[in-house]
Amino acid sequence: MLLSLDGTLIVQVINFGIFYLILNAFFVAPTRKSRMERYERVRAIEEETENLVKEARALRAQTTAFIAAAYREADARISRADAEAGRQAEEIIAAAHADAKTKAEEARKVVSGELAALQASRNRSVGELAAVMLGQALGEDR
């Protein structure tokens, strides 16, 4: 007979059951447990990575917005400084024109005064010369 059922089959089945329990207790269960722990660690790392990526993107957006605001503020300050410089330049030019006009008016007054003095001096000189010439003309005729 090819297959005989005797006591060794029962012993082999019991041995296989004991071997399976021992194998499961010392190899399969710890391996399964370590695989699950590793899976949980990987999943936690992936979640943390996703959170960090989201945080980095948010920080990048904030940084971009902050830089854009800084550029706008700098442009506004430059525009205000340009406007203030233009206003001050106009004030300086207006003051220089007023000062030049005042000095030109003073120079005209000085020149007019000197011209009047020269004309008066010339008139006196002409009068004196006329008197001398008249005196000579009358003195020669006498």
Protein backbone atom coordinates (compact mmCIF):
# COMPACT_ATOMS: atom_id res chain seq x y z
CA MET A 1 0.00 0.00 0.00
CA LEU A 2 1.26 3.36 -0.93
CA LEU A 3 -0.25 5.36 1.79
CA SER A 4 -0.57 3.98 5.23
CA LEU A 5 -2.07 5.74 8.14
CA ASP A 6 -0.26 4.92 11.27
CA GLY A 7 0.89 6.76 14.36
CA THR A 8 3.74 8.57 12.62
CA LEU A 9 1.34 10.65 10.57
CA ILE A 10 -0.31 11.95 13.69
CA VAL A 11 3.09 12.64 15.22
CA GLN A 12 4.17 14.43 12.02
CA VAL A 13 1.02 16.58 12.05
CA ILE A 14 1.60 17.42 15.70
CA ASN A 15 5.29 18.17 14.97
CA PHE A 16 4.27 20.39 12.05
CA GLY A 17 1.79 22.24 14.28
CA ILE A 18 4.41 22.74 16.99
CA PHE A 19 6.96 23.82 14.34
CA TYR A 20 4.44 26.28 12.90
CA LEU A 21 3.69 27.73 16.36
CA ILE A 22 7.41 28.05 17.17
CA LEU A 23 8.16 29.50 13.73
CA ASN A 24 5.28 31.92 14.09
CA ALA A 25 6.28 32.90 17.62
CA PHE A 26 9.97 33.45 16.92
CA PHE A 27 10.11 34.49 13.27
CA VAL A 28 6.84 35.37 11.56
CA ALA A 29 5.25 37.45 14.33
CA PRO A 30 8.41 39.50 15.11
CA THR A 31 9.02 40.01 11.41
CA ARG A 32 5.43 41.10 10.89
CA LYS A 33 5.69 43.38 13.93
CA SER A 34 8.93 44.99 12.70
CA ARG A 35 7.43 45.39 9.20
CA MET A 36 4.41 47.16 10.70
CA GLU A 37 6.64 49.38 12.86
CA ARG A 38 8.78 50.22 9.85
CA TYR A 39 5.66 50.94 7.80
CA GLU A 40 4.36 53.25 10.55
CA ARG A 41 7.74 55.03 10.76
CA VAL A 42 7.85 55.49 6.98
CA ARG A 43 4.27 56.76 6.99
CA ALA A 44 5.07 59.19 9.83
CA ILE A 45 8.17 60.40 7.98
CA GLU A 46 6.14 60.87 4.79
CA GLU A 47 3.50 62.86 6.69
CA GLU A 48 6.19 64.96 8.34
CA THR A 49 7.83 65.51 4.95
CA GLU A 50 4.52 66.59 3.44
CA ASN A 51 3.93 68.97 6.34
CA LEU A 52 7.42 70.39 6.00
CA VAL A 53 6.95 70.84 2.24
CA LYS A 54 3.65 72.65 2.85
CA GLU A 55 5.31 74.81 5.49
CA ALA A 56 8.23 75.56 3.15
CA ARG A 57 5.82 76.55 0.39
CA ALA A 58 3.92 78.80 2.77
CA LEU A 59 7.18 80.37 3.95
CA ARG A 60 8.26 80.85 0.34
CA ALA A 61 4.96 82.57 -0.43
CA GLN A 62 5.33 84.77 2.66
CA THR A 63 8.90 85.59 1.73
CA THR A 64 7.88 86.44 -1.82
CA ALA A 65 5.08 88.66 -0.54
CA PHE A 66 7.44 90.29 1.97
CA ILE A 67 10.04 90.98 -0.73
CA ALA A 68 7.38 92.38 -3.06
CA ALA A 69 6.11 94.64 -0.27
CA ALA A 70 9.67 95.75 0.46
CA TYR A 71 10.20 96.61 -3.22
CA ARG A 72 6.92 98.54 -3.30
CA GLU A 73 7.88 100.42 -0.13
CA ALA A 74 11.34 101.17 -1.55
CA ASP A 75 9.80 102.42 -4.80
CA ALA A 76 7.38 104.61 -2.84
CA ARG A 77 10.21 106.02 -0.73
CA ILE A 78 12.29 106.69 -3.83
CA SER A 79 9.33 108.43 -5.47
CA ARG A 80 8.77 110.56 -2.37
CA ALA A 81 12.48 111.38 -2.19
CA ASP A 82 12.50 112.33 -5.88
CA ALA A 83 9.45 114.54 -5.39
CA GLU A 84 10.99 116.15 -2.30
CA ALA A 85 14.28 116.70 -4.13
CA GLY A 86 12.41 118.27 -7.05
CA ARG A 87 10.47 120.53 -4.71
CA GLN A 88 13.64 121.57 -2.89
CA ALA A 89 15.39 122.18 -6.22
CA GLU A 90 12.50 124.40 -7.32
CA GLU A 91 12.67 126.30 -4.02
CA ILE A 92 16.43 126.75 -4.38
CA ILE A 93 16.06 127.92 -7.99
CA ALA A 94 13.26 130.32 -7.02
CA ALA A 95 15.36 131.67 -4.15
CA ALA A 96 18.36 132.05 -6.48
CA HIS A 97 16.21 133.90 -9.03
CA ALA A 98 14.81 136.17 -6.32
CA ASP A 99 18.31 136.79 -4.97
CA ALA A 100 19.64 137.48 -8.47
CA LYS A 101 16.72 139.83 -9.15
CA THR A 102 17.35 141.65 -5.86
CA LYS A 103 21.06 141.97 -6.57
CA ALA A 104 20.37 143.14 -10.14
CA GLU A 105 17.94 145.77 -8.79
CA GLU A 106 20.52 146.89 -6.23
CA ALA A 107 23.16 147.06 -8.99
CA ARG A 108 20.78 149.15 -11.14
CA LYS A 109 20.23 151.50 -8.22
CA VAL A 110 23.98 151.78 -7.62
CA VAL A 111 24.62 152.35 -11.34
CA SER A 112 21.76 154.88 -11.51
CA GLY A 113 23.17 156.69 -8.48
CA GLU A 114 26.67 156.71 -9.91
CA LEU A 115 25.32 157.81 -13.30
CA ALA A 116 23.41 160.64 -11.63
CA ALA A 117 26.53 161.60 -9.70
CA LEU A 118 28.60 161.52 -12.90
CA GLN A 119 26.01 163.61 -14.73
CA ALA A 120 25.95 166.10 -11.86
CA SER A 121 29.76 166.15 -11.84
CA ARG A 122 29.80 166.59 -15.60
CA ASN A 123 27.25 169.38 -15.39
CA ARG A 124 29.39 171.13 -12.76
CA SER A 125 32.49 170.59 -14.83
CA VAL A 126 30.72 171.88 -17.92
CA GLY A 127 29.46 174.85 -15.92
CA GLU A 128 32.92 175.55 -14.55
CA LEU A 129 34.45 175.13 -17.98
CA ALA A 130 31.80 177.40 -19.47
CA ALA A 131 32.52 179.98 -16.76
CA VAL A 132 36.25 179.76 -17.40
CA MET A 133 35.76 179.98 -21.12
CA LEU A 134 33.32 182.83 -20.69
CA GLY A 135 35.75 184.51 -18.36
CA GLN A 136 38.53 184.12 -20.84
CA ALA A 137 36.36 185.27 -23.69
CA LEU A 138 35.22 188.30 -21.75
CA GLY A 139 38.68 188.94 -20.38
CA GLU A 140 40.23 188.90 -23.79
CA ASP A 141 37.63 191.22 -25.20
CA ARG A 142 38.16 193.74 -22.45
